Amino acid sequence: MSWRRLRVLIQHLPPESATWTALRNGMSDDEIVEQADRGEPEKGRWSQEEQLLASVLDAVRRVEYVLICANTDKKSKQPPPPEPMRRPGAKPRRPKPQLTDNSANVLFKLINGGAA
């Protein structure tokens, strides 16, 4: 088999194939951004069906969350908002940093003109 024939076979594999997934997972963040700028959705990490299915799942989770919040007493604790489905190629959300007592004291001193 020639190199050209191998390239043609790989290029015509479905986007969700193991070969394409392995090739895309080996890409750097800069290469992913470059492809996104060029507008080549067929080189995305998921097939279009999977992207749409993940979007539908996120929408259903948001609707469920709103429904629960609307039918819960205002005095009771609200559930946390749903996390979007993790997608390949997207970095996970960073957790919000918690303000500790020590950090709060340092911040208070800085705001009131004191040195840290």
N, C-alpha and C. Protein backbone atom coordinates (compact mmCIF):
# COMPACT_ATOMS: atom_id res chain seq x y z
N MET A 1 0.84 -1.17 0.00
CA MET A 1 0.00 0.00 0.00
C MET A 1 0.90 1.24 0.00
N SER A 2 0.54 2.20 -0.81
CA SER A 2 1.35 3.42 -0.88
C SER A 2 0.95 4.36 0.26
N TRP A 3 1.84 5.35 0.52
CA TRP A 3 1.55 6.35 1.54
C TRP A 3 0.33 7.19 1.16
N ARG A 4 0.20 7.44 -0.12
CA ARG A 4 -0.94 8.22 -0.60
C ARG A 4 -2.24 7.47 -0.32
N ARG A 5 -2.26 6.19 -0.60
CA ARG A 5 -3.46 5.38 -0.37
C ARG A 5 -3.81 5.35 1.12
N LEU A 6 -2.82 5.21 1.99
CA LEU A 6 -3.05 5.22 3.43
C LEU A 6 -3.64 6.56 3.87
N ARG A 7 -3.09 7.66 3.36
CA ARG A 7 -3.61 8.99 3.69
C ARG A 7 -5.06 9.14 3.27
N VAL A 8 -5.40 8.69 2.08
CA VAL A 8 -6.77 8.78 1.57
C VAL A 8 -7.71 7.95 2.45
N LEU A 9 -7.27 6.76 2.83
CA LEU A 9 -8.12 5.93 3.69
C LEU A 9 -8.37 6.58 5.05
N ILE A 10 -7.34 7.16 5.62
CA ILE A 10 -7.50 7.82 6.92
C ILE A 10 -8.38 9.04 6.81
N GLN A 11 -8.20 9.82 5.74
CA GLN A 11 -9.01 11.04 5.57
C GLN A 11 -10.49 10.73 5.39
N HIS A 12 -10.83 9.57 4.90
CA HIS A 12 -12.23 9.24 4.66
C HIS A 12 -12.86 8.39 5.76
N LEU A 13 -12.14 8.21 6.88
CA LEU A 13 -12.73 7.55 8.03
C LEU A 13 -13.76 8.49 8.67
N PRO A 14 -14.76 7.95 9.34
CA PRO A 14 -15.72 8.83 10.03
C PRO A 14 -15.03 9.61 11.15
N PRO A 15 -15.52 10.80 11.47
CA PRO A 15 -14.83 11.63 12.46
C PRO A 15 -14.75 11.00 13.85
N GLU A 16 -15.67 10.10 14.18
CA GLU A 16 -15.63 9.49 15.51
C GLU A 16 -14.80 8.21 15.56
N SER A 17 -14.10 7.88 14.48
CA SER A 17 -13.30 6.65 14.46
C SER A 17 -12.14 6.75 15.46
N ALA A 18 -11.66 5.60 15.87
CA ALA A 18 -10.56 5.56 16.83
C ALA A 18 -9.30 6.20 16.26
N THR A 19 -9.06 6.05 14.97
CA THR A 19 -7.87 6.63 14.35
C THR A 19 -7.91 8.16 14.40
N TRP A 20 -9.03 8.75 13.98
CA TRP A 20 -9.16 10.21 14.01
C TRP A 20 -9.10 10.73 15.44
N THR A 21 -9.73 10.01 16.36
CA THR A 21 -9.70 10.43 17.76
C THR A 21 -8.27 10.43 18.29
N ALA A 22 -7.51 9.41 17.98
CA ALA A 22 -6.12 9.35 18.43
C ALA A 22 -5.29 10.47 17.81
N LEU A 23 -5.52 10.76 16.53
CA LEU A 23 -4.78 11.85 15.88
C LEU A 23 -5.13 13.20 16.52
N ARG A 24 -6.41 13.42 16.77
CA ARG A 24 -6.83 14.70 17.35
C ARG A 24 -6.38 14.83 18.80
N ASN A 25 -6.40 13.73 19.55
CA ASN A 25 -5.97 13.80 20.94
C ASN A 25 -4.48 14.13 21.05
N GLY A 26 -3.72 13.86 20.01
CA GLY A 26 -2.31 14.17 20.00
C GLY A 26 -2.00 15.61 19.59
N MET A 27 -3.04 16.37 19.25
CA MET A 27 -2.83 17.76 18.82
C MET A 27 -2.60 18.67 20.01
N SER A 28 -1.83 19.73 19.78
CA SER A 28 -1.62 20.72 20.83
C SER A 28 -2.80 21.69 20.85
N ASP A 29 -2.89 22.49 21.92
CA ASP A 29 -3.96 23.46 22.03
C ASP A 29 -3.91 24.49 20.90
N ASP A 30 -2.70 24.87 20.48
CA ASP A 30 -2.55 25.84 19.38
C ASP A 30 -3.10 25.28 18.07
N GLU A 31 -2.83 24.00 17.81
CA GLU A 31 -3.35 23.38 16.59
C GLU A 31 -4.87 23.31 16.61
N ILE A 32 -5.45 23.04 17.76
CA ILE A 32 -6.91 22.99 17.88
C ILE A 32 -7.50 24.36 17.61
N VAL A 33 -6.90 25.41 18.18
CA VAL A 33 -7.39 26.78 17.96
C VAL A 33 -7.26 27.15 16.49
N GLU A 34 -6.14 26.77 15.87
CA GLU A 34 -5.93 27.08 14.44
C GLU A 34 -7.00 26.42 13.58
N GLN A 35 -7.32 25.16 13.86
CA GLN A 35 -8.35 24.48 13.08
C GLN A 35 -9.72 25.08 13.33
N ALA A 36 -9.98 25.52 14.56
CA ALA A 36 -11.26 26.15 14.86
C ALA A 36 -11.38 27.46 14.09
N ASP A 37 -10.28 28.21 13.98
CA ASP A 37 -10.30 29.47 13.23
C ASP A 37 -10.50 29.24 11.74
N ARG A 38 -9.98 28.13 11.22
CA ARG A 38 -10.14 27.84 9.80
C ARG A 38 -11.54 27.31 9.48
N GLY A 39 -12.29 26.97 10.50
CA GLY A 39 -13.66 26.51 10.29
C GLY A 39 -13.73 25.14 9.66
N GLU A 40 -13.09 24.17 10.27
CA GLU A 40 -13.13 22.80 9.78
C GLU A 40 -13.84 21.92 10.81
N PRO A 41 -15.19 21.98 10.87
CA PRO A 41 -15.88 21.22 11.90
C PRO A 41 -15.70 19.72 11.77
N GLU A 42 -15.38 19.24 10.58
CA GLU A 42 -15.19 17.79 10.43
C GLU A 42 -13.95 17.31 11.16
N LYS A 43 -13.09 18.22 11.59
CA LYS A 43 -11.90 17.83 12.32
C LYS A 43 -12.07 18.06 13.81
N GLY A 44 -13.31 18.25 14.26
CA GLY A 44 -13.60 18.40 15.68
C GLY A 44 -13.37 17.10 16.41
N ARG A 45 -13.39 17.16 17.69
CA ARG A 45 -13.11 15.97 18.50
C ARG A 45 -14.29 15.03 18.56
N TRP A 46 -15.51 15.52 18.37
CA TRP A 46 -16.69 14.67 18.35
C TRP A 46 -17.39 14.82 17.02
N SER A 47 -18.20 13.84 16.67
CA SER A 47 -19.01 13.98 15.47
C SER A 47 -20.12 15.00 15.77
N GLN A 48 -20.75 15.48 14.72
CA GLN A 48 -21.80 16.47 14.88
C GLN A 48 -22.97 15.90 15.69
N GLU A 49 -23.27 14.62 15.49
CA GLU A 49 -24.35 13.99 16.26
C GLU A 49 -24.05 14.01 17.76
N GLU A 50 -22.83 13.72 18.11
CA GLU A 50 -22.46 13.69 19.52
C GLU A 50 -22.50 15.09 20.12
N GLN A 51 -22.06 16.09 19.35
CA GLN A 51 -22.13 17.47 19.84
C GLN A 51 -23.57 17.89 20.07
N LEU A 52 -24.46 17.56 19.13
CA LEU A 52 -25.87 17.91 19.27
C LEU A 52 -26.49 17.17 20.44
N LEU A 53 -26.17 15.90 20.61
CA LEU A 53 -26.70 15.13 21.72
C LEU A 53 -26.25 15.71 23.06
N ALA A 54 -25.00 16.13 23.15
CA ALA A 54 -24.50 16.74 24.38
C ALA A 54 -25.22 18.06 24.65
N SER A 55 -25.51 18.83 23.61
CA SER A 55 -26.24 20.09 23.77
C SER A 55 -27.66 19.83 24.26
N VAL A 56 -28.29 18.80 23.73
CA VAL A 56 -29.65 18.45 24.17
C VAL A 56 -29.62 18.03 25.64
N LEU A 57 -28.65 17.22 26.02
CA LEU A 57 -28.54 16.79 27.41
C LEU A 57 -28.35 17.98 28.34
N ASP A 58 -27.49 18.94 27.96
CA ASP A 58 -27.29 20.13 28.77
C ASP A 58 -28.58 20.93 28.90
N ALA A 59 -29.34 21.06 27.80
CA ALA A 59 -30.60 21.80 27.83
C ALA A 59 -31.62 21.12 28.75
N VAL A 60 -31.71 19.80 28.67
CA VAL A 60 -32.65 19.06 29.52
C VAL A 60 -32.26 19.23 30.99
N ARG A 61 -30.98 19.18 31.29
CA ARG A 61 -30.53 19.36 32.67
C ARG A 61 -30.87 20.76 33.18
N ARG A 62 -30.71 21.78 32.31
CA ARG A 62 -31.05 23.14 32.73
C ARG A 62 -32.55 23.29 32.96
N VAL A 63 -33.37 22.70 32.09
CA VAL A 63 -34.82 22.76 32.27
C VAL A 63 -35.22 22.07 33.57
N GLU A 64 -34.63 20.93 33.84
CA GLU A 64 -34.92 20.21 35.08
C GLU A 64 -34.54 21.07 36.29
N TYR A 65 -33.38 21.72 36.22
CA TYR A 65 -32.91 22.58 37.31
C TYR A 65 -33.88 23.74 37.54
N VAL A 66 -34.30 24.39 36.47
CA VAL A 66 -35.24 25.52 36.59
C VAL A 66 -36.57 25.03 37.17
N LEU A 67 -37.04 23.89 36.73
CA LEU A 67 -38.29 23.34 37.23
C LEU A 67 -38.20 23.05 38.74
N ILE A 68 -37.10 22.47 39.15
CA ILE A 68 -36.91 22.19 40.58
C ILE A 68 -36.85 23.50 41.37
N CYS A 69 -36.11 24.48 40.87
CA CYS A 69 -35.99 25.76 41.58
C CYS A 69 -37.34 26.47 41.65
N ALA A 70 -38.13 26.41 40.59
CA ALA A 70 -39.43 27.08 40.57
C ALA A 70 -40.42 26.44 41.52
N ASN A 71 -40.28 25.16 41.79
CA ASN A 71 -41.23 24.45 42.64
C ASN A 71 -40.69 24.15 44.03
N THR A 72 -39.63 24.83 44.41
CA THR A 72 -39.05 24.66 45.73
C THR A 72 -39.36 25.91 46.55
N ASP A 73 -39.62 25.73 47.84
CA ASP A 73 -39.86 26.88 48.72
C ASP A 73 -38.64 27.79 48.71
N LYS A 74 -38.91 29.08 48.80
CA LYS A 74 -37.81 30.05 48.78
C LYS A 74 -36.91 29.92 50.00
N LYS A 75 -37.48 29.43 51.09
CA LYS A 75 -36.70 29.31 52.33
C LYS A 75 -35.77 28.10 52.32
N SER A 76 -36.10 27.11 51.52
CA SER A 76 -35.25 25.90 51.50
C SER A 76 -34.05 26.12 50.59
N LYS A 77 -33.07 25.28 50.77
CA LYS A 77 -31.82 25.40 50.02
C LYS A 77 -32.03 25.00 48.56
N GLN A 78 -31.54 25.82 47.65
CA GLN A 78 -31.65 25.54 46.22
C GLN A 78 -30.57 24.52 45.82
N PRO A 79 -30.88 23.65 44.88
CA PRO A 79 -29.85 22.70 44.42
C PRO A 79 -28.78 23.44 43.61
N PRO A 80 -27.59 22.88 43.54
CA PRO A 80 -26.55 23.53 42.72
C PRO A 80 -26.91 23.43 41.24
N PRO A 81 -26.52 24.43 40.43
CA PRO A 81 -26.83 24.36 39.00
C PRO A 81 -26.11 23.18 38.35
N PRO A 82 -26.68 22.63 37.29
CA PRO A 82 -26.06 21.45 36.67
C PRO A 82 -24.76 21.80 35.95
N GLU A 83 -23.86 20.87 35.99
CA GLU A 83 -22.61 21.01 35.25
C GLU A 83 -22.84 20.59 33.80
N PRO A 84 -22.29 21.32 32.83
CA PRO A 84 -22.43 20.87 31.44
C PRO A 84 -21.67 19.57 31.23
N MET A 85 -22.14 18.79 30.28
CA MET A 85 -21.48 17.53 29.96
C MET A 85 -20.06 17.80 29.50
N ARG A 86 -19.12 17.06 30.03
CA ARG A 86 -17.72 17.27 29.63
C ARG A 86 -17.53 16.79 28.21
N ARG A 87 -16.87 17.61 27.43
CA ARG A 87 -16.63 17.30 26.03
C ARG A 87 -15.13 17.16 25.80
N PRO A 88 -14.74 16.25 24.92
CA PRO A 88 -13.31 16.13 24.61
C PRO A 88 -12.80 17.42 24.00
N GLY A 89 -11.60 17.80 24.39
CA GLY A 89 -10.99 19.01 23.85
C GLY A 89 -11.31 20.24 24.66
N ALA A 90 -12.30 20.18 25.53
CA ALA A 90 -12.65 21.33 26.37
C ALA A 90 -12.03 21.11 27.75
N LYS A 91 -11.39 22.12 28.23
CA LYS A 91 -10.77 22.02 29.54
C LYS A 91 -11.86 22.03 30.61
N PRO A 92 -11.72 21.25 31.68
CA PRO A 92 -12.73 21.29 32.74
C PRO A 92 -12.72 22.65 33.42
N ARG A 93 -13.87 23.04 33.93
CA ARG A 93 -13.96 24.31 34.63
C ARG A 93 -13.14 24.27 35.90
N ARG A 94 -12.48 25.39 36.17
CA ARG A 94 -11.72 25.47 37.40
C ARG A 94 -12.67 25.73 38.55
N PRO A 95 -12.46 25.07 39.67
CA PRO A 95 -13.33 25.36 40.82
C PRO A 95 -13.08 26.78 41.31
N LYS A 96 -14.13 27.42 41.79
CA LYS A 96 -13.98 28.78 42.31
C LYS A 96 -13.13 28.73 43.58
N PRO A 97 -12.15 29.61 43.67
CA PRO A 97 -11.32 29.59 44.88
C PRO A 97 -12.14 30.04 46.09
N GLN A 98 -11.92 29.35 47.20
CA GLN A 98 -12.62 29.68 48.44
C GLN A 98 -11.80 30.69 49.23
N LEU A 99 -12.49 31.67 49.80
CA LEU A 99 -11.82 32.69 50.60
C LEU A 99 -11.65 32.17 52.02
N THR A 100 -10.40 31.97 52.42
CA THR A 100 -10.13 31.49 53.77
C THR A 100 -10.08 32.67 54.73
N ASP A 101 -10.07 32.38 56.01
CA ASP A 101 -10.01 33.45 57.02
C ASP A 101 -8.73 34.27 56.88
N ASN A 102 -7.62 33.58 56.63
CA ASN A 102 -6.35 34.26 56.48
C ASN A 102 -6.37 35.18 55.26
N SER A 103 -6.90 34.69 54.15
CA SER A 103 -6.99 35.50 52.94
C SER A 103 -7.93 36.69 53.15
N ALA A 104 -9.01 36.47 53.88
CA ALA A 104 -9.95 37.55 54.16
C ALA A 104 -9.30 38.63 54.99
N ASN A 105 -8.48 38.25 55.97
CA ASN A 105 -7.79 39.24 56.79
C ASN A 105 -6.79 40.05 55.96
N VAL A 106 -6.04 39.38 55.09
CA VAL A 106 -5.09 40.08 54.23
C VAL A 106 -5.82 41.04 53.30
N LEU A 107 -6.92 40.60 52.71
CA LEU A 107 -7.71 41.45 51.83
C LEU A 107 -8.27 42.64 52.59
N PHE A 108 -8.75 42.41 53.80
CA PHE A 108 -9.30 43.50 54.62
C PHE A 108 -8.23 44.55 54.90
N LYS A 109 -7.02 44.10 55.22
CA LYS A 109 -5.92 45.03 55.49
C LYS A 109 -5.56 45.82 54.24
N LEU A 110 -5.53 45.16 53.09
CA LEU A 110 -5.21 45.86 51.84
C LEU A 110 -6.26 46.90 51.49
N ILE A 111 -7.52 46.56 51.68
CA ILE A 111 -8.60 47.50 51.36
C ILE A 111 -8.56 48.72 52.27
N ASN A 112 -8.21 48.51 53.54
CA ASN A 112 -8.20 49.61 54.51
C ASN A 112 -6.87 50.34 54.57
N GLY A 113 -6.01 50.15 53.58
CA GLY A 113 -4.78 50.91 53.47
C GLY A 113 -3.59 50.32 54.17
N GLY A 114 -3.74 49.18 54.77
CA GLY A 114 -2.62 48.56 55.47
C GLY A 114 -1.79 47.73 54.51
N ALA A 115 -0.55 47.50 54.84
CA ALA A 115 0.30 46.66 54.02
C ALA A 115 0.09 45.20 54.39
N ALA A 116 0.24 44.33 53.42
CA ALA A 116 0.02 42.91 53.66
C ALA A 116 1.15 42.29 54.41
